[in-house]
Each structure stands twice: as structure tokens, then as C-alpha cells.
Protein backbone atom coordinates (compact mmCIF):
# COMPACT_ATOMS: atom_id res chain seq x y z
CA MET A 1 5.74 190.34 4.99
CA GLN A 2 4.39 193.49 3.37
CA THR A 3 6.94 195.69 1.61
CA THR A 4 7.89 197.25 -1.72
CA ALA A 5 10.88 196.65 -3.97
CA LYS A 6 12.11 200.16 -3.13
CA GLU A 7 11.98 199.55 0.63
CA LEU A 8 13.66 196.19 0.25
CA ALA A 9 16.45 197.55 -1.94
CA LYS A 10 17.13 200.25 0.65
CA LEU A 11 17.29 197.66 3.43
CA LEU A 12 19.68 195.45 1.43
CA ASN A 13 21.71 198.28 -0.08
CA GLY A 14 20.76 196.91 -3.51
CA ILE A 15 20.07 198.27 -6.98
CA ILE A 16 16.62 197.88 -8.56
CA ILE A 17 16.20 196.93 -12.19
CA GLY A 18 12.48 197.23 -12.88
CA ASP A 19 9.48 198.53 -10.93
CA GLU A 20 10.55 200.06 -7.58
CA ASN A 21 6.92 200.48 -6.42
CA LEU A 22 6.18 196.77 -6.77
CA LYS A 23 4.34 195.37 -3.70
CA LEU A 24 5.72 192.16 -2.22
CA SER A 25 3.96 189.94 0.31
CA LYS A 26 5.70 186.56 0.52
CA LEU A 27 9.10 184.90 0.18
CA SER A 28 8.96 181.84 -2.10
CA ARG A 29 11.09 179.38 -4.04
CA ILE A 30 11.76 180.60 -7.55
CA GLU A 31 10.48 177.34 -9.09
CA ASP A 32 6.91 177.69 -7.82
CA ALA A 33 6.49 181.40 -7.01
CA SER A 34 3.40 183.47 -7.84
CA LYS A 35 2.61 187.12 -8.45
CA GLY A 36 3.55 189.26 -5.44
CA ASP A 37 6.24 186.80 -4.32
CA LEU A 38 9.89 187.57 -3.65
CA CYS A 39 12.61 185.05 -4.58
CA PHE A 40 16.39 184.89 -4.58
CA ILE A 41 19.17 183.19 -6.56
CA SER A 42 22.58 182.37 -5.08
CA ASN A 43 23.29 179.03 -6.76
CA PRO A 44 23.92 179.31 -10.54
CA LYS A 45 21.96 176.12 -11.28
CA TYR A 46 18.73 177.96 -10.40
CA GLN A 47 19.34 180.81 -12.83
CA LYS A 48 17.37 179.02 -15.56
CA TYR A 49 14.14 179.61 -13.60
CA ILE A 50 14.46 183.38 -13.77
CA PHE A 51 13.15 183.38 -17.36
CA SER A 52 9.97 181.46 -16.49
CA THR A 53 9.24 182.36 -12.87
CA LYS A 54 5.98 184.11 -11.98
CA ALA A 55 7.65 185.88 -9.05
CA SER A 56 7.30 189.64 -9.02
CA CYS A 57 10.85 190.26 -7.78
CA VAL A 58 14.10 188.26 -7.60
CA ILE A 59 17.22 189.07 -5.57
CA VAL A 60 20.44 188.25 -7.45
CA ASN A 61 24.14 188.84 -6.99
CA GLU A 62 25.50 192.05 -8.49
CA ASP A 63 27.57 190.10 -11.05
CA PHE A 64 24.45 188.36 -12.44
CA LYS A 65 24.38 188.57 -16.23
CA HIS A 66 21.79 187.45 -18.78
CA GLU A 67 21.17 187.62 -22.49
CA LYS A 68 17.46 186.82 -22.67
CA LYS A 69 14.81 189.34 -21.65
CA ILE A 70 13.59 189.04 -18.04
CA LYS A 71 10.06 190.09 -17.15
CA THR A 72 10.49 190.15 -13.38
CA THR A 73 11.99 193.00 -11.32
CA LEU A 74 15.52 192.38 -10.06
CA ILE A 75 17.31 193.63 -6.95
CA LYS A 76 21.08 193.29 -7.35
CA VAL A 77 23.06 192.94 -4.13
CA LYS A 78 26.62 192.09 -3.18
CA ASP A 79 25.66 188.73 -1.65
CA SER A 80 22.17 187.33 -2.27
CA TYR A 81 22.57 184.63 0.40
CA LEU A 82 23.36 187.25 3.02
CA ALA A 83 20.31 189.19 1.80
CA LEU A 84 18.19 186.08 2.38
CA SER A 85 19.51 185.90 5.95
CA ILE A 86 18.47 189.50 6.59
CA ILE A 87 14.99 189.02 5.14
CA THR A 88 14.23 185.73 6.89
CA ASN A 89 15.27 187.15 10.25
CA ILE A 90 12.81 190.01 9.78
CA ILE A 91 10.02 187.60 8.78
CA LYS A 92 10.75 185.25 11.69
CA LYS A 93 10.16 188.02 14.24
CA ASP A 94 6.55 188.21 13.09
CA TYR A 95 5.92 184.53 13.97
CA ILE A 96 6.10 184.84 17.75
CA GLY A 97 2.80 186.65 18.10
CA GLU A 98 1.59 188.01 21.44
CA ARG A 99 4.18 187.95 24.20
CA ILE A 100 2.90 186.50 27.48
CA ILE A 101 3.97 184.86 30.70
CA SER A 102 1.53 181.96 30.74
CA SER A 103 -0.54 181.34 33.84
CA ASN A 104 0.10 177.66 33.18
CA SER A 105 3.85 178.09 33.66
CA VAL A 106 5.57 177.45 37.01
CA ILE A 107 8.19 180.05 37.93
CA SER A 108 10.14 180.08 41.19
CA LYS A 109 9.63 183.27 43.21
CA SER A 110 13.40 183.51 43.65
CA SER A 111 13.98 183.83 39.90
CA ASP A 112 14.42 187.22 38.24
CA ILE A 113 12.39 187.67 35.07
CA LYS A 114 13.34 190.86 33.21
CA SER A 115 11.18 192.95 30.85
CA ASN A 116 9.51 191.78 27.62
CA VAL A 117 10.09 188.08 28.33
CA HIS A 118 7.79 185.50 26.76
CA ILE A 119 7.21 182.26 28.70
CA GLY A 120 4.90 179.73 27.07
CA HIS A 121 2.43 177.25 28.49
CA PHE A 122 3.52 174.45 30.85
CA THR A 123 7.08 175.71 31.17
CA SER A 124 8.94 175.35 34.47
CA ILE A 125 11.65 177.74 35.69
CA GLY A 126 13.60 176.73 38.78
CA ALA A 127 15.09 178.69 41.67
CA ASN A 128 17.51 181.61 41.38
CA CYS A 129 17.35 181.87 37.61
CA ILE A 130 17.96 185.10 35.68
CA ILE A 131 15.99 185.50 32.46
CA GLU A 132 17.12 188.71 30.76
CA GLU A 133 15.29 191.15 28.48
CA ASN A 134 13.51 189.99 25.33
CA VAL A 135 14.07 186.28 25.95
CA THR A 136 11.50 183.97 24.35
CA ILE A 137 10.83 180.60 25.99
CA PHE A 138 8.18 178.52 24.23
CA ASN A 139 5.89 175.80 25.62
CA ASN A 140 6.88 172.75 27.68
CA CYS A 141 10.42 173.84 28.52
CA ILE A 142 12.25 172.91 31.72
CA ILE A 143 14.75 175.41 33.07
CA GLY A 144 16.68 174.14 36.11
CA ASP A 145 17.97 176.04 39.13
CA ASN A 146 20.59 178.80 38.85
CA VAL A 147 20.28 179.08 35.06
CA ILE A 148 21.13 182.36 33.31
CA ILE A 149 19.58 183.08 29.91
CA LYS A 150 20.88 186.34 28.49
CA SER A 151 18.99 188.86 26.38
CA ASN A 152 17.33 188.19 23.03
CA SER A 153 17.74 184.41 23.19
CA THR A 154 15.05 182.02 21.94
CA ILE A 155 14.35 178.67 23.60
CA HIS A 156 12.01 176.53 21.49
CA SER A 157 9.45 174.10 22.87
CA SER A 158 10.49 171.01 24.86
CA VAL A 159 14.03 172.16 25.59
CA ASN A 160 15.59 171.05 28.87
CA ILE A 161 18.27 173.37 30.29
CA LYS A 162 19.76 171.78 33.40
CA SER A 163 20.92 173.60 36.51
CA ASP A 164 23.80 176.10 36.49
CA SER A 165 23.87 176.44 32.70
CA ILE A 166 24.67 179.86 31.20
CA ILE A 167 23.07 180.76 27.86
CA GLY A 168 24.53 183.80 26.11
CA GLU A 169 22.89 186.61 24.16
CA ASN A 170 21.10 185.97 20.86
CA ASN A 171 21.19 182.20 21.27
CA ILE A 172 18.70 179.91 19.54
CA ILE A 173 18.07 176.47 21.05
CA HIS A 174 15.77 174.21 19.05
CA SER A 175 13.20 171.72 20.29
CA GLY A 176 14.29 168.63 22.17
CA ALA A 177 17.80 169.88 22.95
CA VAL A 178 19.22 169.03 26.37
CA ILE A 179 21.81 171.40 27.81
CA GLY A 180 23.72 170.29 30.90
CA SER A 181 22.89 166.61 31.30
CA ASP A 182 25.49 164.52 33.12
CA GLY A 183 28.71 163.76 31.32
CA PHE A 184 29.67 160.11 30.78
CA GLY A 185 31.99 159.80 33.74
CA PHE A 186 32.63 156.51 35.53
CA ALA A 187 35.52 154.89 37.38
CA ASN A 188 35.96 151.19 36.59
CA ILE A 189 36.77 149.49 39.90
CA LYS A 190 37.15 145.70 39.69
CA ASN A 191 34.86 145.57 36.63
CA GLU A 192 32.22 147.69 38.31
CA PHE A 193 31.45 151.21 37.11
CA LYS A 194 31.35 153.81 39.89
CA LYS A 195 29.70 157.09 38.89
CA ILE A 196 31.79 160.25 39.05
CA GLN A 197 29.37 163.04 39.89
CA GLN A 198 29.33 165.74 37.23
CA ILE A 199 29.51 169.00 39.19
CA GLY A 200 30.47 171.43 36.41
CA ASN A 201 28.19 173.28 34.00
CA VAL A 202 27.64 174.28 30.36
CA VAL A 203 28.42 177.76 29.05
CA LEU A 204 27.10 178.92 25.69
CA LYS A 205 28.57 182.24 24.56
CA ASN A 206 26.74 184.78 22.35
CA ASN A 207 25.17 184.07 18.94
CA VAL A 208 25.20 180.30 19.33
CA GLU A 209 22.58 178.08 17.66
CA ILE A 210 21.85 174.54 18.89
CA GLY A 211 19.86 172.13 16.70
CA ALA A 212 16.90 169.93 17.63
CA ASN A 213 17.64 166.94 19.88
CA THR A 214 21.28 167.91 20.31
CA THR A 215 22.77 167.19 23.73
CA ILE A 216 25.59 169.05 25.47
CA ASP A 217 26.89 167.41 28.64
CA ARG A 218 27.88 169.39 31.71
CA ALA A 219 31.53 169.28 32.72
CA SER A 220 32.71 166.90 35.40
CA ILE A 221 34.61 169.88 36.88
CA GLY A 222 34.66 173.36 35.30
CA SER A 223 32.67 174.11 32.14
CA THR A 224 31.77 172.58 28.82
CA LEU A 225 32.32 175.64 26.64
CA ILE A 226 30.63 176.54 23.35
CA ASN A 227 32.17 179.78 22.14
CA GLU A 228 30.68 182.71 20.27
CA GLY A 229 29.09 182.11 16.89
CA VAL A 230 29.16 178.29 17.02
CA LYS A 231 26.42 176.50 15.04
CA LEU A 232 25.48 172.93 15.95
CA ASP A 233 23.08 170.94 13.75
CA ASN A 234 20.43 168.45 14.93
CA LEU A 235 21.27 165.22 16.74
CA ILE A 236 24.79 166.08 17.87
CA GLN A 237 26.42 164.78 21.05
CA ILE A 238 28.93 167.05 22.81
CA GLY A 239 30.68 165.33 25.71
CA HIS A 240 31.74 166.75 29.06
CA ASN A 241 34.49 169.40 29.21
CA VAL A 242 34.56 169.80 25.44
CA GLU A 243 35.52 173.26 24.17
CA ILE A 244 34.44 174.46 20.72
CA GLY A 245 36.09 177.58 19.29
CA LYS A 246 34.41 180.63 17.80
CA ASN A 247 32.45 180.38 14.55
CA THR A 248 32.82 176.62 14.17
CA ALA A 249 29.95 174.72 12.51
CA ILE A 250 29.21 171.00 13.03
CA ALA A 251 26.69 169.02 10.95
CA GLY A 252 24.20 166.46 12.28
CA LEU A 253 24.89 163.06 13.86
CA THR A 254 28.43 163.97 14.89
CA ALA A 255 29.68 162.96 18.34
CA VAL A 256 32.53 164.66 20.19
CA ALA A 257 33.92 162.76 23.17
CA GLY A 258 34.90 164.36 26.45
CA SER A 259 37.67 166.93 26.99
CA THR A 260 38.39 167.44 23.29
CA LYS A 261 39.18 170.99 22.16
CA ILE A 262 38.04 172.12 18.71
CA GLY A 263 39.47 175.35 17.32
CA GLU A 264 37.95 178.39 15.67
CA ASN A 265 36.38 178.57 12.20
CA CYS A 266 36.24 174.80 11.76
CA LEU A 267 33.74 173.01 9.49
CA ILE A 268 32.89 169.45 10.54
CA GLY A 269 30.61 167.30 8.37
CA GLY A 270 27.85 164.94 9.45
CA GLN A 271 28.26 161.54 11.10
CA CYS A 272 31.79 162.21 12.29
CA ALA A 273 33.21 160.50 15.37
CA ILE A 274 35.77 162.52 17.33
CA THR A 275 37.61 160.84 20.16
CA GLY A 276 38.24 162.41 23.56
CA HIS A 277 41.21 164.33 24.99
CA ILE A 278 42.54 165.56 21.62
CA LYS A 279 43.02 169.00 20.08
CA ILE A 280 41.74 170.05 16.66
CA GLY A 281 43.31 173.28 15.41
CA ASN A 282 41.80 176.38 13.82
CA ASN A 283 40.35 176.46 10.29
CA VAL A 284 40.16 172.66 10.06
CA LYS A 285 37.70 171.02 7.64
CA VAL A 286 36.51 167.48 8.30
CA ALA A 287 34.54 165.62 5.63
CA GLY A 288 31.39 163.73 6.63
CA ASN A 289 31.68 160.15 7.95
CA SER A 290 35.24 160.73 9.14
CA GLY A 291 36.78 159.40 12.32
CA ILE A 292 39.23 161.60 14.21
CA GLY A 293 41.45 159.84 16.73
CA CYS A 294 44.46 162.14 17.05
CA ASN A 295 45.44 165.81 17.22
CA ILE A 296 44.91 167.83 14.02
CA ASN A 297 47.03 170.88 13.21
CA ASP A 298 45.64 174.19 11.97
CA ASN A 299 44.36 174.59 8.39
CA GLN A 300 44.06 170.86 7.61
CA THR A 301 41.37 169.20 5.49
CA ILE A 302 40.61 165.71 6.83
CA GLN A 303 38.71 162.76 5.38
CA GLY A 304 38.31 159.04 6.05
CA GLU A 305 37.17 156.46 8.54
CA TYR A 306 40.50 156.98 10.27
CA GLY A 307 40.74 160.61 9.30
CA PHE A 308 43.92 161.90 7.68
CA ASN A 309 44.86 164.44 5.03
CA LYS A 310 42.10 164.64 2.42
CA GLN A 311 44.39 164.48 -0.65
CA ASP A 312 46.29 161.50 0.81
CA PHE A 313 42.98 159.79 1.56
CA GLN A 314 41.66 160.31 -1.96
CA ARG A 315 44.88 158.99 -3.55
CA SER A 316 44.77 156.01 -1.20
CA TYR A 317 41.13 155.37 -2.05
CA VAL A 318 41.93 155.23 -5.77
CA LEU A 319 44.60 152.63 -5.02
CA PHE A 320 42.21 150.73 -2.74
CA LYS A 321 39.63 150.44 -5.54
CA ASN A 322 42.33 148.99 -7.79
CA LEU A 323 43.71 146.68 -5.12
CA PRO A 324 42.37 143.41 -6.66
CA LYS A 325 44.04 144.26 -9.98
CA ILE A 326 47.30 145.20 -8.23
CA VAL A 327 47.31 141.92 -6.26
CA ASP A 328 46.63 139.97 -9.44
CA ARG A 329 49.56 141.68 -11.21
CA LEU A 330 51.86 140.95 -8.27
CA SER A 331 50.80 137.28 -8.24
CA LYS A 332 51.61 136.95 -11.91
CA LEU A 333 55.02 138.60 -11.36
CA GLU A 334 55.79 136.19 -8.51
CA LYS A 335 54.90 133.24 -10.73
CA GLY A 336 57.15 134.59 -13.46
CA ASN A 337 54.26 135.20 -15.84
CA SER A 338 54.36 138.16 -18.17
CA LEU A 339 51.79 140.89 -17.56
């Protein structure tokens, strides 16, 4: 990154307080920054570092106020966290380096590779695939037959995208993810499990991000559907025929069983277990380590091993902690003793 405070402020629609001609070369944490570094503050607990940081420039929210003198140049913006997103996306583009189609890759002659595609070493692309413009596929990836990867998507190393999957525009799939493996479908006949062939696919809409080692199973029939703007963390299991609504985010180690439908704009914490064949409404928040075994209406906040309303859970938990004392009081009442 090579820029000036003036150029950066223009990009971020920000206001400079200090030296607009300041040259900036690196994005750093405010605690350990050096001269020429750019930092940002969005969390108030880091504001104390602004008086001692060696950073040349700090991005802050427009409502940032201070009484002590600050030596560093400031760029005030409406949302410093959004500004960080813009800057990091620009920096990330510089990391790819030279775009190639490696001679060590194996690409079926029946597949259609569009312009400005990068395909790394030891990657395999099966028959009848369509890889659209500006797609980046890193090393050691396996792309099955009849896969479509739409423009500007990035597939990191060691990703396995199984046959018939459709990957939308501007997707990011991180290393170790498996898209389109068989769903967990078996018929139990006289205590013997008979496999039900999984003949559906996985569809990822636009602007989806899939974390490292996350798995999304293909549908038994139809599609497992991840809608636009969904963000899945690392180590998540999405079962067959699951549908996840737009702009929902799910944290790591969560498992969603088959045929469950999750609504739009939901936030689901880590290590949650969500049973199959249920419906979770829009704008639902689920605290980490919760278990969801029934339908959840819109706009609910859920918590608990057997997830229910968060406020009810917290009141119940207070009572649970005091349960030994309550039992003791009841015992004394039953015996006719005064409390």
C-alpha cells in the first residue's frame, strides 16, 4: 500500500485533521504501529492508544472527541469499520500477484474458461464447467463436472467443489471447504441403513463467503441454497436441502441439520446445534452454544441448551443458580421450621 492521507480521505469521503501530504505505506494495529503506518479506531477501548501511538495517521469516527493534544494525523469518517473494509479489500487485491493458468493444472477440454482467470498449480477442473471472468482459483483445488463459478469469485487452495455446484459472483471460499458432498441420507430397513443417493446440488448466490473447512452438503433432490450475502465461519456443517436467507451470518462450529430453513438477516453464534426440518424466521439472533429444536418466529433472540427466549433463559438461569438455596428453604417449610 502506497498512498497519501489526502488520497485516502478522498477515497473514504473523510475529513483530514493534520498533514494531508503524509505518505502512508502499511496498515497496522494502533498498539504497535510505526512511522508511515495507518491505523483505525472503531472500539472506544482502543482510544487510549491514540495519545501514544507512533502511527502517522489514524482513521476515527466523525464523532471522535478528545481533550489531550494528538500528534498524529486523523481522518474522520462516518464509520471507521466500514473504512477498514474498503482499505483491506484494496490491499488484498495486491496479494494475488501474476495471474496464470498453470501448466501443472488439469482442465477438461469441454470446460469454458473465460478471460483473466487465474488457475493455480495442481488444480483439476472437470468436464463441462464454466469459469467466468476474473475468477481466481488457487493451488490444489478440485472442481468437479458441470460446475459454474461466476465472475470475480475467489477459490482458495485445497477447496473441493463437487459436481453440479453453482458458485455466484464475488464469492470467497476458504481453504479446505467442501461444497456439494453427499447429504446424510439413509433409509433404515430392518436395522440396516440403505443409502439414498444424493442427486441434487448446492447453489451459492452472490457475495457469499465460506470459511475454512466448512462443508455444505448437496441436496438429496433439488438444491441446498445459500442466498446472497450469507457469511459462514470456519468449521460449519450445513446439511442437505438447507436454505439460508440473505445476509445471515453463522459463527464457527455450528451444525445445521437437513431441510431446515433459516431466514434473512439472522445472527447465529458459535457451537450451535440446529435440528432438521424446522424454520427459523427473519432477524433472529441465537447466542453461542444454543440448541434449536423447534420453529423460531421472526425477530426473536434465543439462548440456551434447549434454546428459548433469551430474557426467559437468563431469568431461569438466575433461579437455577439459586436452586440449592430454594430447595433448602422449601425443606425447612415442609418440616415446619422457621426460615
